[in-house]
């Protein structure tokens, strides 16, 4: 079953794995060494990231190399950008209201 990107990036360990793999390709064991958890636990996180397209796995000989594929994160960023203008307007209106209240009370 494909994983939801938002659920995948909600986990701090998975975000750290993405950060680690963003600039390099590493064997699964090397990734696991960076975390204070079992190798199977790290492998499970990598599997989830792979299922939603955030991490690509390539087998080279006996090793499985992982690398981040940030194109999927770009899609998430584009989706959230649509709401940025909406929230900026709401926060600007709130700031204006709070300023008016503050000016009225002084």
C-alpha atoms as a PDB file:
ATOM      1  CA  UNK A   1       0.000   0.000   0.000  1.00  0.00           C
ATOM      2  CA  UNK A   2       1.510   3.385  -0.981  1.00  0.00           C
ATOM      3  CA  UNK A   3       2.346   5.675   1.896  1.00  0.00           C
ATOM      4  CA  UNK A   4       1.076   9.224   2.218  1.00  0.00           C
ATOM      5  CA  UNK A   5       3.891  11.764   1.863  1.00  0.00           C
ATOM      6  CA  UNK A   6       2.498  13.912   4.680  1.00  0.00           C
ATOM      7  CA  UNK A   7       2.418  10.953   7.075  1.00  0.00           C
ATOM      8  CA  UNK A   8       5.948  10.045   6.033  1.00  0.00           C
ATOM      9  CA  UNK A   9       7.397  13.493   6.675  1.00  0.00           C
ATOM     10  CA  UNK A  10       5.453  13.894   9.926  1.00  0.00           C
ATOM     11  CA  UNK A  11       7.928  11.557  11.629  1.00  0.00           C
ATOM     12  CA  UNK A  12      11.118  13.314  12.826  1.00  0.00           C
ATOM     13  CA  UNK A  13      13.316  10.258  12.191  1.00  0.00           C
ATOM     14  CA  UNK A  14      12.153  10.061   8.592  1.00  0.00           C
ATOM     15  CA  UNK A  15      12.825  13.781   8.126  1.00  0.00           C
ATOM     16  CA  UNK A  16      16.347  13.211   9.458  1.00  0.00           C
ATOM     17  CA  UNK A  17      16.834  10.330   7.025  1.00  0.00           C
ATOM     18  CA  UNK A  18      15.736  12.555   4.139  1.00  0.00           C
ATOM     19  CA  UNK A  19      18.159  15.260   5.309  1.00  0.00           C
ATOM     20  CA  UNK A  20      20.965  12.718   5.554  1.00  0.00           C
ATOM     21  CA  UNK A  21      20.310  11.348   2.076  1.00  0.00           C
ATOM     22  CA  UNK A  22      19.587  14.672   0.372  1.00  0.00           C
ATOM     23  CA  UNK A  23      23.160  15.187  -0.747  1.00  0.00           C
ATOM     24  CA  UNK A  24      24.472  11.671  -0.904  1.00  0.00           C
ATOM     25  CA  UNK A  25      23.738   8.034  -1.589  1.00  0.00           C
ATOM     26  CA  UNK A  26      24.412   5.712   1.341  1.00  0.00           C
ATOM     27  CA  UNK A  27      24.080   2.000   2.042  1.00  0.00           C
ATOM     28  CA  UNK A  28      21.233   1.138   4.417  1.00  0.00           C
ATOM     29  CA  UNK A  29      23.732   0.019   7.079  1.00  0.00           C
ATOM     30  CA  UNK A  30      25.497   3.395   6.963  1.00  0.00           C
ATOM     31  CA  UNK A  31      22.165   5.164   7.391  1.00  0.00           C
ATOM     32  CA  UNK A  32      21.289   2.889  10.321  1.00  0.00           C
ATOM     33  CA  UNK A  33      24.595   3.703  12.055  1.00  0.00           C
ATOM     34  CA  UNK A  34      23.589   7.368  12.255  1.00  0.00           C
ATOM     35  CA  UNK A  35      20.555   6.624  14.424  1.00  0.00           C
ATOM     36  CA  UNK A  36      20.153   5.351  17.964  1.00  0.00           C
ATOM     37  CA  UNK A  37      17.772   2.554  17.006  1.00  0.00           C
ATOM     38  CA  UNK A  38      17.944  -0.914  15.549  1.00  0.00           C
ATOM     39  CA  UNK A  39      18.779  -1.502  11.910  1.00  0.00           C
ATOM     40  CA  UNK A  40      15.340  -3.097  11.314  1.00  0.00           C
ATOM     41  CA  UNK A  41      13.671   0.038  12.714  1.00  0.00           C
ATOM     42  CA  UNK A  42      15.687   2.272  10.368  1.00  0.00           C
ATOM     43  CA  UNK A  43      14.929  -0.107   7.489  1.00  0.00           C
ATOM     44  CA  UNK A  44      11.221   0.251   8.237  1.00  0.00           C
ATOM     45  CA  UNK A  45      11.510   4.039   8.055  1.00  0.00           C
ATOM     46  CA  UNK A  46      13.421   3.761   4.772  1.00  0.00           C
ATOM     47  CA  UNK A  47      10.767   1.403   3.409  1.00  0.00           C
ATOM     48  CA  UNK A  48       8.018   3.922   4.184  1.00  0.00           C
ATOM     49  CA  UNK A  49      10.018   6.724   2.556  1.00  0.00           C
ATOM     50  CA  UNK A  50      10.610   4.515  -0.471  1.00  0.00           C
ATOM     51  CA  UNK A  51       6.924   3.603  -0.779  1.00  0.00           C
ATOM     52  CA  UNK A  52       5.918   7.243  -0.985  1.00  0.00           C
ATOM     53  CA  UNK A  53       8.721   8.127  -3.393  1.00  0.00           C
ATOM     54  CA  UNK A  54      10.904  10.205  -1.072  1.00  0.00           C
ATOM     55  CA  UNK A  55      13.799   7.746  -1.013  1.00  0.00           C
ATOM     56  CA  UNK A  56      15.029   5.666  -3.915  1.00  0.00           C
ATOM     57  CA  UNK A  57      16.807   2.375  -3.317  1.00  0.00           C
ATOM     58  CA  UNK A  58      19.287   0.919  -5.760  1.00  0.00           C
ATOM     59  CA  UNK A  59      20.924  -2.451  -5.317  1.00  0.00           C
ATOM     60  CA  UNK A  60      24.645  -2.575  -6.085  1.00  0.00           C
ATOM     61  CA  UNK A  61      26.098  -5.995  -5.473  1.00  0.00           C
ATOM     62  CA  UNK A  62      25.083  -7.067  -2.000  1.00  0.00           C
ATOM     63  CA  UNK A  63      24.398  -3.538  -0.765  1.00  0.00           C
ATOM     64  CA  UNK A  64      21.256  -1.463  -1.056  1.00  0.00           C
ATOM     65  CA  UNK A  65      22.029   2.220  -1.555  1.00  0.00           C
ATOM     66  CA  UNK A  66      19.510   4.882  -0.614  1.00  0.00           C
ATOM     67  CA  UNK A  67      19.211   8.433  -1.815  1.00  0.00           C
ATOM     68  CA  UNK A  68      16.578  11.085  -1.323  1.00  0.00           C
ATOM     69  CA  UNK A  69      14.379  12.048  -4.241  1.00  0.00           C
ATOM     70  CA  UNK A  70      13.317  15.561  -3.332  1.00  0.00           C
ATOM     71  CA  UNK A  71      11.004  15.963  -6.331  1.00  0.00           C
ATOM     72  CA  UNK A  72       8.152  14.644  -4.209  1.00  0.00           C
ATOM     73  CA  UNK A  73       8.953  17.246  -1.539  1.00  0.00           C
ATOM     74  CA  UNK A  74       8.819  19.888  -4.258  1.00  0.00           C
ATOM     75  CA  UNK A  75       5.240  18.791  -4.967  1.00  0.00           C
ATOM     76  CA  UNK A  76       4.402  19.135  -1.269  1.00  0.00           C
ATOM     77  CA  UNK A  77       5.979  22.592  -1.186  1.00  0.00           C
ATOM     78  CA  UNK A  78       3.993  23.707  -4.239  1.00  0.00           C
ATOM     79  CA  UNK A  79       0.780  22.430  -2.651  1.00  0.00           C
ATOM     80  CA  UNK A  80       1.436  24.254   0.627  1.00  0.00           C
ATOM     81  CA  UNK A  81       2.412  27.471  -1.192  1.00  0.00           C
ATOM     82  CA  UNK A  82      -1.192  27.816  -2.349  1.00  0.00           C
ATOM     83  CA  UNK A  83      -2.189  28.343   1.254  1.00  0.00           C
ATOM     84  CA  UNK A  84       0.645  30.680   2.148  1.00  0.00           C
ATOM     85  CA  UNK A  85      -1.059  33.741   0.680  1.00  0.00           C
ATOM     86  CA  UNK A  86      -4.321  32.825   2.414  1.00  0.00           C
ATOM     87  CA  UNK A  87      -2.637  32.522   5.832  1.00  0.00           C
ATOM     88  CA  UNK A  88      -0.518  35.619   5.308  1.00  0.00           C
ATOM     89  CA  UNK A  89      -3.703  37.645   4.727  1.00  0.00           C
ATOM     90  CA  UNK A  90      -5.317  36.166   7.843  1.00  0.00           C
ATOM     91  CA  UNK A  91      -2.253  36.854   9.973  1.00  0.00           C
ATOM     92  CA  UNK A  92      -1.935  40.396   8.608  1.00  0.00           C
ATOM     93  CA  UNK A  93      -5.587  41.013   9.514  1.00  0.00           C
ATOM     94  CA  UNK A  94      -4.994  39.629  13.003  1.00  0.00           C
ATOM     95  CA  UNK A  95      -1.933  41.835  13.431  1.00  0.00           C
ATOM     96  CA  UNK A  96      -3.948  44.868  12.337  1.00  0.00           C
ATOM     97  CA  UNK A  97      -6.753  43.999  14.755  1.00  0.00           C
ATOM     98  CA  UNK A  98      -4.330  43.530  17.653  1.00  0.00           C
ATOM     99  CA  UNK A  99      -2.618  46.823  16.824  1.00  0.00           C
ATOM    100  CA  UNK A 100      -6.001  48.601  16.794  1.00  0.00           C
ATOM    101  CA  UNK A 101      -6.920  47.052  20.150  1.00  0.00           C
ATOM    102  CA  UNK A 102      -3.537  48.021  21.588  1.00  0.00           C
ATOM    103  CA  UNK A 103      -3.909  51.614  20.313  1.00  0.00           C
ATOM    104  CA  UNK A 104      -7.414  51.817  21.779  1.00  0.00           C
ATOM    105  CA  UNK A 105      -6.182  50.668  25.197  1.00  0.00           C
ATOM    106  CA  UNK A 106      -3.292  53.143  25.375  1.00  0.00           C
END
